[in-house]
Structures are given as C-alpha cells and as structure tokens.
Amino acid sequence: MRLTKIGIATFIALLTVITDTSVSFYSLTSLPAAKVLAQTNTEKDKEAFQLFYQGLQKSKVDQFQEALQFWEQSLAIYREIGDREREGTLLVLLSFTYAKLGDYQKALLSAQQGLAIARELKDAKLEQLAEEALAKVREHNNNSGKT
C-alpha cells in the first residue's frame, strides 16, 4: 500500500508542475525515486516506474515529446498489469502534456479516460485533476471556436 501512496504522490507532484508554469521542473529533483523504485513488487512495476522517471527527466529539460514516449510506454505496462490507479493518473498526466504540446484531441481523450478511471476508483483527487484537464481543453476549444 505504501508504494501506491508514494507513486501517486509523485504523479500528482508532476501534474502540479505541468499545470503551474511558474514552478520549475527542477523543483522535482527531490522526489523519492530511489525509495519508490526499491519498493516495487514486480519487474513490470520497476520497468513502468523507470519509464515514468525517464519521462520525468525529459520533462525537466522541456523535452515533452520525448517525455510522452516514455510515459506512453509506462501507461501500456500499467494497463498490462492492471494497475488502474496509476493508469488513470498517467492518463491525466498525458492529458496535460498533450495540451501543453497543442494536441488537444489527444488531451481530451486522455482526460476523459482518466476521469472515467478516477470515478471508477472513487478517487476524488484524481477526479478533480481530470476535470481540470478537461476544463483546460474546453477552454482552448472555446477560444479557438471548436466544440
């Protein structure tokens, strides 16, 4: 159970940074990555976290396209092993990142999927973040005349 709380805290911290452009990605260097990695239970968990962490490193230097590639691979593993909590969290993270890169269709789809998982899990914090991601996409669409 401790792993889930630390892992989700890491994802939430990243989401906060992505949505708050006044915060530097370098402020995430104190994340307890080694501790989280040491506590994973399976090789697939380790692989997924390593991919997530590689994406985090890319995002710190504004290489969001490269970060997406790592995060999408991490998402695929979490889906494979049935980790719905991390799957939902990564979908919301991807939504914010796609929006940052201007791919609002993918941002919308990811946010909707993340919201569905948050509701399934009855995770209020994740649901709130997914709704914020959806609001960001809708705001862009309203400003650009799209529905």
Protein backbone atom coordinates (compact mmCIF):
# COMPACT_ATOMS: atom_id res chain seq x y z
CA MET A 1 0.00 0.00 0.00
CA ARG A 2 2.88 2.38 0.76
CA LEU A 3 4.14 2.09 -2.82
CA THR A 4 0.82 3.28 -4.21
CA LYS A 5 0.75 6.34 -1.96
CA ILE A 6 4.32 7.32 -2.86
CA GLY A 7 3.84 6.61 -6.56
CA ILE A 8 0.63 8.61 -6.76
CA ALA A 9 2.23 11.45 -4.79
CA THR A 10 4.99 11.53 -7.39
CA PHE A 11 2.50 11.66 -10.26
CA ILE A 12 0.41 14.34 -8.53
CA ALA A 13 3.53 16.44 -7.94
CA LEU A 14 4.33 16.22 -11.64
CA LEU A 15 0.79 17.16 -12.60
CA THR A 16 1.01 20.19 -10.35
CA VAL A 17 4.23 21.28 -12.01
CA ILE A 18 2.89 20.83 -15.53
CA THR A 19 -0.23 22.88 -14.79
CA ASP A 20 1.62 25.60 -12.90
CA THR A 21 4.09 27.11 -15.35
CA SER A 22 5.54 29.32 -12.64
CA VAL A 23 7.08 26.24 -10.99
CA SER A 24 10.31 24.88 -12.40
CA PHE A 25 10.63 21.23 -13.35
CA TYR A 26 13.90 21.33 -11.44
CA SER A 27 11.95 21.55 -8.20
CA LEU A 28 11.08 17.89 -8.68
CA THR A 29 14.65 16.72 -8.19
CA SER A 30 13.90 15.88 -4.57
CA LEU A 31 11.34 13.19 -5.50
CA PRO A 32 11.96 9.95 -3.62
CA ALA A 33 12.55 7.98 -6.82
CA ALA A 34 15.09 5.55 -5.44
CA LYS A 35 12.88 4.77 -2.45
CA VAL A 36 9.85 4.19 -4.66
CA LEU A 37 11.83 2.06 -7.07
CA ALA A 38 13.22 -0.05 -4.25
CA GLN A 39 9.71 -0.75 -3.00
CA THR A 40 8.20 -2.01 -6.24
CA ASN A 41 6.98 -5.58 -6.16
CA THR A 42 7.44 -6.84 -9.69
CA GLU A 43 9.77 -6.40 -12.60
CA LYS A 44 6.91 -4.87 -14.60
CA ASP A 45 6.34 -2.30 -11.85
CA LYS A 46 10.03 -1.44 -11.92
CA GLU A 47 10.04 -1.15 -15.68
CA ALA A 48 6.96 1.08 -15.68
CA PHE A 49 8.41 3.32 -13.00
CA GLN A 50 11.77 3.56 -14.77
CA LEU A 51 9.97 4.64 -17.95
CA PHE A 52 7.94 7.16 -15.96
CA TYR A 53 11.12 8.51 -14.35
CA GLN A 54 12.91 8.77 -17.72
CA GLY A 55 9.95 10.80 -18.96
CA LEU A 56 10.20 12.98 -15.88
CA GLN A 57 13.86 13.64 -16.64
CA LYS A 58 12.98 14.65 -20.21
CA SER A 59 10.20 16.94 -18.99
CA LYS A 60 12.64 18.72 -16.66
CA VAL A 61 14.52 19.96 -19.72
CA ASP A 62 11.35 20.80 -21.67
CA GLN A 63 11.63 17.74 -23.93
CA PHE A 64 7.93 16.98 -23.67
CA GLN A 65 7.65 14.99 -26.89
CA GLU A 66 10.34 12.62 -25.65
CA ALA A 67 8.71 12.52 -22.21
CA LEU A 68 5.44 11.49 -23.84
CA GLN A 69 7.10 8.50 -25.44
CA PHE A 70 8.33 7.23 -22.08
CA TRP A 71 5.01 7.95 -20.35
CA GLU A 72 3.01 6.18 -23.07
CA GLN A 73 5.20 3.08 -22.63
CA SER A 74 4.74 3.30 -18.86
CA LEU A 75 0.97 3.58 -19.36
CA ALA A 76 0.95 0.45 -21.53
CA ILE A 77 2.65 -1.53 -18.77
CA TYR A 78 0.30 -0.26 -16.06
CA ARG A 79 -2.59 -1.32 -18.29
CA GLU A 80 -0.99 -4.71 -18.83
CA ILE A 81 -0.56 -5.37 -15.11
CA GLY A 82 -3.98 -3.94 -14.27
CA ASP A 83 -2.84 -1.02 -12.11
CA ARG A 84 -5.91 1.16 -12.63
CA GLU A 85 -4.80 3.85 -10.20
CA ARG A 86 -1.54 4.54 -12.00
CA GLU A 87 -3.21 4.11 -15.37
CA GLY A 88 -5.72 6.84 -14.50
CA THR A 89 -3.05 9.10 -13.10
CA LEU A 90 -0.82 8.70 -16.15
CA LEU A 91 -3.77 9.40 -18.45
CA VAL A 92 -4.35 12.71 -16.68
CA LEU A 93 -0.64 13.49 -16.82
CA LEU A 94 -0.65 12.73 -20.54
CA SER A 95 -3.68 14.97 -21.00
CA PHE A 96 -1.88 17.97 -19.51
CA THR A 97 1.22 17.19 -21.55
CA TYR A 98 -0.67 16.78 -24.82
CA ALA A 99 -2.39 20.11 -24.16
CA LYS A 100 0.97 21.74 -23.45
CA LEU A 101 2.13 20.48 -26.86
CA GLY A 102 -1.06 21.65 -28.58
CA ASP A 103 -2.56 18.21 -29.31
CA TYR A 104 -5.99 18.94 -27.86
CA GLN A 105 -7.71 15.89 -29.35
CA LYS A 106 -5.36 13.52 -27.54
CA ALA A 107 -5.55 15.72 -24.44
CA LEU A 108 -9.34 15.43 -24.45
CA LEU A 109 -9.33 11.66 -24.94
CA SER A 110 -6.74 11.11 -22.20
CA ALA A 111 -8.58 13.36 -19.75
CA GLN A 112 -11.89 11.59 -20.42
CA GLN A 113 -10.30 8.17 -19.90
CA GLY A 114 -8.56 9.36 -16.74
CA LEU A 115 -11.80 10.81 -15.42
CA ALA A 116 -13.64 7.54 -16.02
CA ILE A 117 -11.00 5.63 -14.08
CA ALA A 118 -10.99 8.20 -11.26
CA ARG A 119 -14.74 7.80 -10.91
CA GLU A 120 -14.47 4.00 -11.06
CA LEU A 121 -11.91 4.12 -8.26
CA LYS A 122 -13.80 6.82 -6.37
CA ASP A 123 -10.56 8.83 -6.25
CA ALA A 124 -11.64 12.43 -5.60
CA LYS A 125 -8.18 13.97 -6.09
CA LEU A 126 -7.63 12.25 -9.42
CA GLU A 127 -11.16 13.13 -10.49
CA GLN A 128 -10.51 16.79 -9.71
CA LEU A 129 -7.28 16.74 -11.74
CA ALA A 130 -9.01 15.04 -14.65
CA GLU A 131 -11.75 17.66 -14.56
CA GLU A 132 -9.10 20.40 -14.56
CA ALA A 133 -7.51 18.78 -17.62
CA LEU A 134 -10.89 18.66 -19.35
CA ALA A 135 -11.53 22.30 -18.46
CA LYS A 136 -8.18 23.27 -19.98
CA VAL A 137 -9.06 21.52 -23.24
CA ARG A 138 -12.56 23.00 -23.31
CA GLU A 139 -11.17 26.47 -22.66
CA HIS A 140 -8.82 26.10 -25.62
CA ASN A 141 -11.63 24.78 -27.82
CA ASN A 142 -13.92 27.64 -26.81
CA ASN A 143 -11.19 30.20 -27.53
CA SER A 144 -10.45 28.65 -30.90
CA GLY A 145 -14.09 28.23 -31.94
CA LYS A 146 -14.06 24.41 -31.72
CA THR A 147 -16.68 22.41 -29.87
